[in-house]
Each structure stands twice: as structure tokens, then as C-alpha cells.
Amino acid sequence: LMCSPYLTGSLGIMLLIVGFNYWSVSSQNYDLLVKIDEMQSQLRIGTDRIIDLEESVQQCNKQMEEVNDKHVQASELNEKLNKEKETLREEVLQRKDSLKASKKSHDDELKRLTEEMEQLQSVKDNIMEKSEKLEDELSTVKAALLKAENSLKSESAKAADLQGKLAEILAAQPHAKGEKKGGGKSVELGPGQLPDVDPDAVSVVKKDTLGKPAIKLDPLPPADNPAAADGEDAADLK
């Protein structure tokens, strides 16, 4: 058969068109395959990323649970610390009140001791003043006693002198040893009694030798003879 040139040209043109279309489709298919590979790679990467993210989420959940547990523990610890803080605050207030009461008691005790010390100081001053007065009075009494002793010695010497003179008078006038009363009987003199003395033979002078009221003078010791007893009353005679 003889082909028409038109048919041959048409077939050539169609072959060219089919070849171009095949090339174009092959190119697109290759591009699509490349894109599919890229998408599969991205899908694998995304899957891995999702897996990593899921693991991260699980870890975050675990961490969240741990954080919640720690938060609960922190809340319990905070509540416990608040209770301890309240207890300590009450103890501090009680100790503060106790210290205030103790301070007040110590202040009162200090005030009382201060007042007692002032009173004792006043008593001490009074005692010192009285002691000084007593020392002055003691010095005065000692001086008066010394003066009285000297005066007593002087009066004792005068009494001894008078006793001697009285003994001489009695020796010169024997009738003075006793007197006769109605019936002519002789009257014996008792202890401490003095016979009658002639007023013309003895002169009596009153002298103040009493001294101060606070001084006591011991009497003269008694003598062995009756005339010594007369010396006790002769201390006022001169």
C-alpha cells in the first residue's frame, strides 16, 4: 500500500505529540516521585517528631505529676510551718508576758529592797548618831565617875579623920558610951547607933556630895570596932 503523505505527516505529528506528552508525563511523574519521596521523608521526620513530642509530653506529664506532688508536699510543709509559726508566736507572747510579769516583780522587789536599804541606812545613821551621843555621854560619865571617885577618896579621908577625932572625943568623955534612963539602968547601944554627942564639942556642916543621879557610890567597908560603924554616918560631918 502506498501511504498518503498526509497520513504519514499526521502520524509523524501524532508520534511527536505522543512522544512530547510521554516526556512531559514522565517528567511530571519523576517530579511527583521526587515530591512523594520528599513528603515521605517529611512524613517520617514528622512521625519521629510526633513520637518525640509524645515522649516529651509524657515526660512533661510526669514532671507535672512530680510538680503536683511537690506542690502538695510544699502545701503540707507550708501548713505545718504556719502551725509551727503560730505556736512559736503564742510561745513568744507567753514568754513576753512572763518576762513582763517577772520584770514587774523584779522592779517591785528592787523598789522594796531600795526602800529597806534606805530605812536601814536611816536606822544606821540614827544608831551612829546615838552611838556618838552615847560615846559623848560615856566620856562625860567617865569624867564624872573619876571626879566622884576622887571626891569619894577625899571624903573617905575626911571621914577617917573625923572617925579619929570622934574616937578621941569618946575617949575623953567616957559617959557618952551609954545613958541611964528611968530606974537608973544603963542602956546598951545597938549596931549602927551613935551615942549622944555634945553639940558644943562637934560642929555639923551640910555639904552637897550627892553627885549626878546616874552614879552609885559603894558604902565603906565596916570596921571591927563599934566606932567604925559610926564612920558611915560621919561622912556628912566635918
Protein backbone atom coordinates (compact mmCIF):
# COMPACT_ATOMS: atom_id res chain seq x y z
CA LEU A 1 0.00 0.00 0.00
CA MET A 2 1.14 3.41 -0.63
CA CYS A 3 0.62 5.75 2.16
CA SER A 4 -0.55 9.18 1.67
CA PRO A 5 1.95 11.78 2.59
CA TYR A 6 -0.68 13.49 4.58
CA LEU A 7 -1.30 10.39 6.59
CA THR A 8 2.39 9.90 7.14
CA GLY A 9 2.79 13.54 8.21
CA SER A 10 -0.18 13.19 10.50
CA LEU A 11 1.20 10.02 12.02
CA GLY A 12 4.60 11.70 12.46
CA ILE A 13 2.99 14.68 14.03
CA MET A 14 0.95 12.42 16.31
CA LEU A 15 4.07 10.45 17.23
CA LEU A 16 5.80 13.71 18.04
CA ILE A 17 2.84 14.84 20.11
CA VAL A 18 2.62 11.46 21.87
CA GLY A 19 6.38 11.47 22.49
CA PHE A 20 6.25 15.00 23.85
CA ASN A 21 3.32 14.12 26.05
CA TYR A 22 5.12 10.99 27.25
CA TRP A 23 8.21 13.01 28.05
CA SER A 24 6.12 15.63 29.78
CA VAL A 25 4.24 12.98 31.75
CA SER A 26 7.46 11.19 32.59
CA SER A 27 8.97 14.46 33.78
CA GLN A 28 5.90 15.18 35.88
CA ASN A 29 5.88 11.61 37.15
CA TYR A 30 9.52 11.94 38.16
CA ASP A 31 8.81 15.26 39.83
CA LEU A 32 5.87 13.68 41.59
CA LEU A 33 8.01 10.74 42.67
CA VAL A 34 10.62 13.15 43.99
CA LYS A 35 7.92 15.10 45.81
CA ILE A 36 6.44 11.84 47.14
CA ASP A 37 9.87 10.83 48.41
CA GLU A 38 10.29 14.24 49.95
CA MET A 39 6.84 14.03 51.51
CA GLN A 40 7.55 10.52 52.78
CA SER A 41 10.82 11.81 54.26
CA GLN A 42 8.98 14.71 55.83
CA LEU A 43 6.29 12.27 56.97
CA ARG A 44 8.94 10.07 58.57
CA ILE A 45 10.52 13.18 60.10
CA GLY A 46 7.08 14.35 61.26
CA THR A 47 6.33 10.93 62.67
CA ASP A 48 9.61 10.91 64.52
CA ARG A 49 8.87 14.43 65.64
CA ILE A 50 5.42 13.38 66.80
CA ILE A 51 6.93 10.43 68.67
CA ASP A 52 9.48 12.76 70.25
CA LEU A 53 6.73 15.20 71.06
CA GLU A 54 4.64 12.42 72.59
CA GLU A 55 7.62 11.34 74.68
CA SER A 56 8.18 14.96 75.60
CA VAL A 57 4.50 15.25 76.52
CA GLN A 58 4.78 12.09 78.63
CA GLN A 59 7.87 13.46 80.32
CA CYS A 60 6.06 16.76 80.81
CA ASN A 61 3.12 14.87 82.31
CA LYS A 62 5.48 13.00 84.62
CA GLN A 63 7.18 16.25 85.53
CA MET A 64 3.76 17.81 86.06
CA GLU A 65 2.80 14.96 88.35
CA GLU A 66 6.07 15.37 90.21
CA VAL A 67 5.48 19.11 90.38
CA ASN A 68 1.96 18.47 91.67
CA ASP A 69 3.33 16.06 94.25
CA LYS A 70 5.95 18.61 95.23
CA HIS A 71 3.26 21.29 95.31
CA VAL A 72 1.17 19.12 97.62
CA GLN A 73 4.21 18.45 99.79
CA ALA A 74 5.06 22.16 99.73
CA SER A 75 1.47 22.99 100.71
CA GLU A 76 1.59 20.48 103.58
CA LEU A 77 5.01 21.79 104.62
CA ASN A 78 3.72 25.38 104.38
CA GLU A 79 0.72 24.48 106.51
CA LYS A 80 2.97 22.74 109.02
CA LEU A 81 5.31 25.75 109.07
CA ASN A 82 2.33 28.07 109.56
CA LYS A 83 1.18 25.96 112.51
CA GLU A 84 4.69 25.97 113.98
CA LYS A 85 4.89 29.71 113.35
CA GLU A 86 1.58 30.23 115.17
CA THR A 87 2.77 28.02 118.03
CA LEU A 88 6.06 29.91 118.24
CA ARG A 89 4.20 33.22 118.15
CA GLU A 90 1.99 32.10 121.04
CA GLU A 91 5.07 30.90 122.96
CA VAL A 92 6.81 34.22 122.27
CA LEU A 93 3.74 36.11 123.51
CA GLN A 94 3.54 33.92 126.62
CA ARG A 95 7.26 34.39 127.31
CA LYS A 96 6.89 38.11 126.68
CA ASP A 97 4.01 38.29 129.18
CA SER A 98 6.02 36.14 131.61
CA LEU A 99 9.05 38.39 131.19
CA LYS A 100 6.88 41.47 131.74
CA ALA A 101 5.44 39.93 134.92
CA SER A 102 8.91 38.86 136.04
CA LYS A 103 10.29 42.33 135.27
CA LYS A 104 7.46 43.94 137.22
CA SER A 105 8.09 41.55 140.12
CA HIS A 106 11.82 42.29 139.99
CA ASP A 107 11.12 46.03 139.84
CA ASP A 108 8.81 45.76 142.85
CA GLU A 109 11.41 43.66 144.70
CA LEU A 110 14.12 46.16 143.77
CA LYS A 111 11.92 49.03 144.94
CA ARG A 112 11.19 47.18 148.20
CA LEU A 113 14.87 46.40 148.73
CA THR A 114 15.75 50.01 147.94
CA GLU A 115 13.21 51.24 150.48
CA GLU A 116 14.51 48.71 153.04
CA MET A 117 18.07 49.81 152.31
CA GLU A 118 17.06 53.45 152.79
CA GLN A 119 15.31 52.53 156.04
CA LEU A 120 18.34 50.52 157.18
CA GLN A 121 20.59 53.42 156.20
CA SER A 122 18.36 55.74 158.22
CA VAL A 123 18.45 53.30 161.16
CA LYS A 124 22.22 53.03 160.75
CA ASP A 125 22.52 56.83 160.75
CA ASN A 126 20.33 57.02 163.86
CA ILE A 127 22.39 54.29 165.53
CA MET A 128 25.61 56.07 164.58
CA GLU A 129 24.21 59.32 165.93
CA LYS A 130 23.05 57.61 169.14
CA SER A 131 26.42 55.85 169.36
CA GLU A 132 28.20 59.17 169.08
CA LYS A 133 25.87 60.64 171.73
CA LEU A 134 26.41 57.58 173.95
CA GLU A 135 30.16 57.88 173.48
CA ASP A 136 29.93 61.55 174.48
CA GLU A 137 27.72 60.63 177.43
CA LEU A 138 30.10 57.78 178.32
CA SER A 139 33.02 60.17 178.25
CA THR A 140 31.04 62.60 180.42
CA VAL A 141 30.05 59.78 182.82
CA LYS A 142 33.62 58.53 182.97
CA ALA A 143 34.83 62.03 183.78
CA ALA A 144 32.06 62.42 186.38
CA LEU A 145 32.87 58.98 187.80
CA LEU A 146 36.54 59.85 188.02
CA LYS A 147 35.64 63.10 189.68
CA ALA A 148 33.28 61.25 192.04
CA GLU A 149 35.97 58.69 192.86
CA ASN A 150 38.40 61.46 193.63
CA SER A 151 35.73 63.19 195.72
CA LEU A 152 34.93 59.87 197.43
CA LYS A 153 38.57 59.33 198.24
CA SER A 154 38.75 62.84 199.63
CA GLU A 155 35.55 62.33 201.65
CA SER A 156 36.82 58.93 202.84
CA ALA A 157 39.98 60.58 204.05
CA LYS A 158 37.91 63.25 205.80
CA ALA A 159 35.64 60.55 207.30
CA ALA A 160 38.68 58.67 208.58
CA ASP A 161 39.96 61.91 210.09
CA LEU A 162 36.55 62.56 211.70
CA GLN A 163 36.45 58.98 212.95
CA GLY A 164 39.78 59.53 214.64
CA LYS A 165 38.57 62.77 216.17
CA LEU A 166 35.35 61.11 217.32
CA ALA A 167 37.33 58.29 218.90
CA GLU A 168 39.41 60.88 220.77
CA ILE A 169 36.22 62.64 221.94
CA LEU A 170 34.72 59.36 223.14
CA ALA A 171 37.96 58.53 224.93
CA ALA A 172 37.92 61.95 226.60
CA GLN A 173 34.21 61.61 227.63
CA PRO A 174 33.55 58.00 228.74
CA HIS A 175 29.99 58.84 229.88
CA ALA A 176 28.96 59.23 226.15
CA LYS A 177 29.08 55.41 225.65
CA GLY A 178 25.73 54.91 227.39
CA GLU A 179 22.97 56.68 229.26
CA LYS A 180 20.78 55.76 232.19
CA LYS A 181 17.06 56.08 231.75
CA GLY A 182 14.34 55.93 234.40
CA GLY A 183 15.21 53.34 237.05
CA GLY A 184 19.00 54.07 236.77
CA LYS A 185 19.66 51.27 234.31
CA SER A 186 22.40 51.59 231.68
CA VAL A 187 21.16 51.44 228.04
CA GLU A 188 23.30 49.44 225.67
CA LEU A 189 23.77 50.88 222.13
CA GLY A 190 22.70 48.68 219.24
CA PRO A 191 24.66 48.09 216.00
CA GLY A 192 24.76 51.23 213.85
CA GLN A 193 23.60 53.51 216.70
CA LEU A 194 25.58 56.56 217.74
CA PRO A 195 25.85 57.77 221.32
CA ASP A 196 24.85 61.25 222.26
CA VAL A 197 27.46 63.78 221.35
CA ASP A 198 27.93 67.10 222.98
CA PRO A 199 26.79 69.75 220.48
CA ASP A 200 29.41 72.14 221.78
CA ALA A 201 32.19 69.68 221.02
CA VAL A 202 31.18 68.94 217.38
CA SER A 203 30.19 71.33 214.62
CA VAL A 204 27.99 69.90 211.77
CA VAL A 205 28.18 71.40 208.28
CA LYS A 206 25.89 70.23 205.43
CA LYS A 207 27.78 69.62 202.18
CA ASP A 208 26.41 68.58 198.77
CA THR A 209 28.28 65.40 197.80
CA LEU A 210 25.43 63.55 196.13
CA GLY A 211 26.87 63.80 192.59
CA LYS A 212 24.83 63.03 189.48
CA PRO A 213 21.69 60.85 189.73
CA ALA A 214 23.14 58.17 187.48
CA ILE A 215 26.20 57.50 189.72
CA LYS A 216 26.04 54.99 192.58
CA LEU A 217 28.67 55.04 195.31
CA ASP A 218 29.52 51.88 197.23
CA PRO A 219 29.47 52.20 201.08
CA LEU A 220 32.66 52.00 203.10
CA PRO A 221 33.56 48.51 204.41
CA PRO A 222 32.58 48.01 208.07
CA ALA A 223 35.33 48.17 210.69
CA ASP A 224 35.92 45.66 213.53
CA ASN A 225 35.21 48.11 216.45
CA PRO A 226 31.88 49.90 217.14
CA ALA A 227 33.46 53.23 216.29
CA ALA A 228 33.93 52.12 212.65
CA ALA A 229 30.13 51.85 212.24
CA ASP A 230 29.92 55.43 213.37
CA GLY A 231 32.11 56.42 210.41
CA GLU A 232 29.32 55.53 207.97
CA ASP A 233 27.23 58.42 209.22
CA ALA A 234 30.20 60.63 209.84
CA ALA A 235 30.77 61.13 206.07
CA ASP A 236 28.34 64.07 206.27
CA LEU A 237 30.17 65.62 209.19
CA LYS A 238 33.11 67.99 209.01
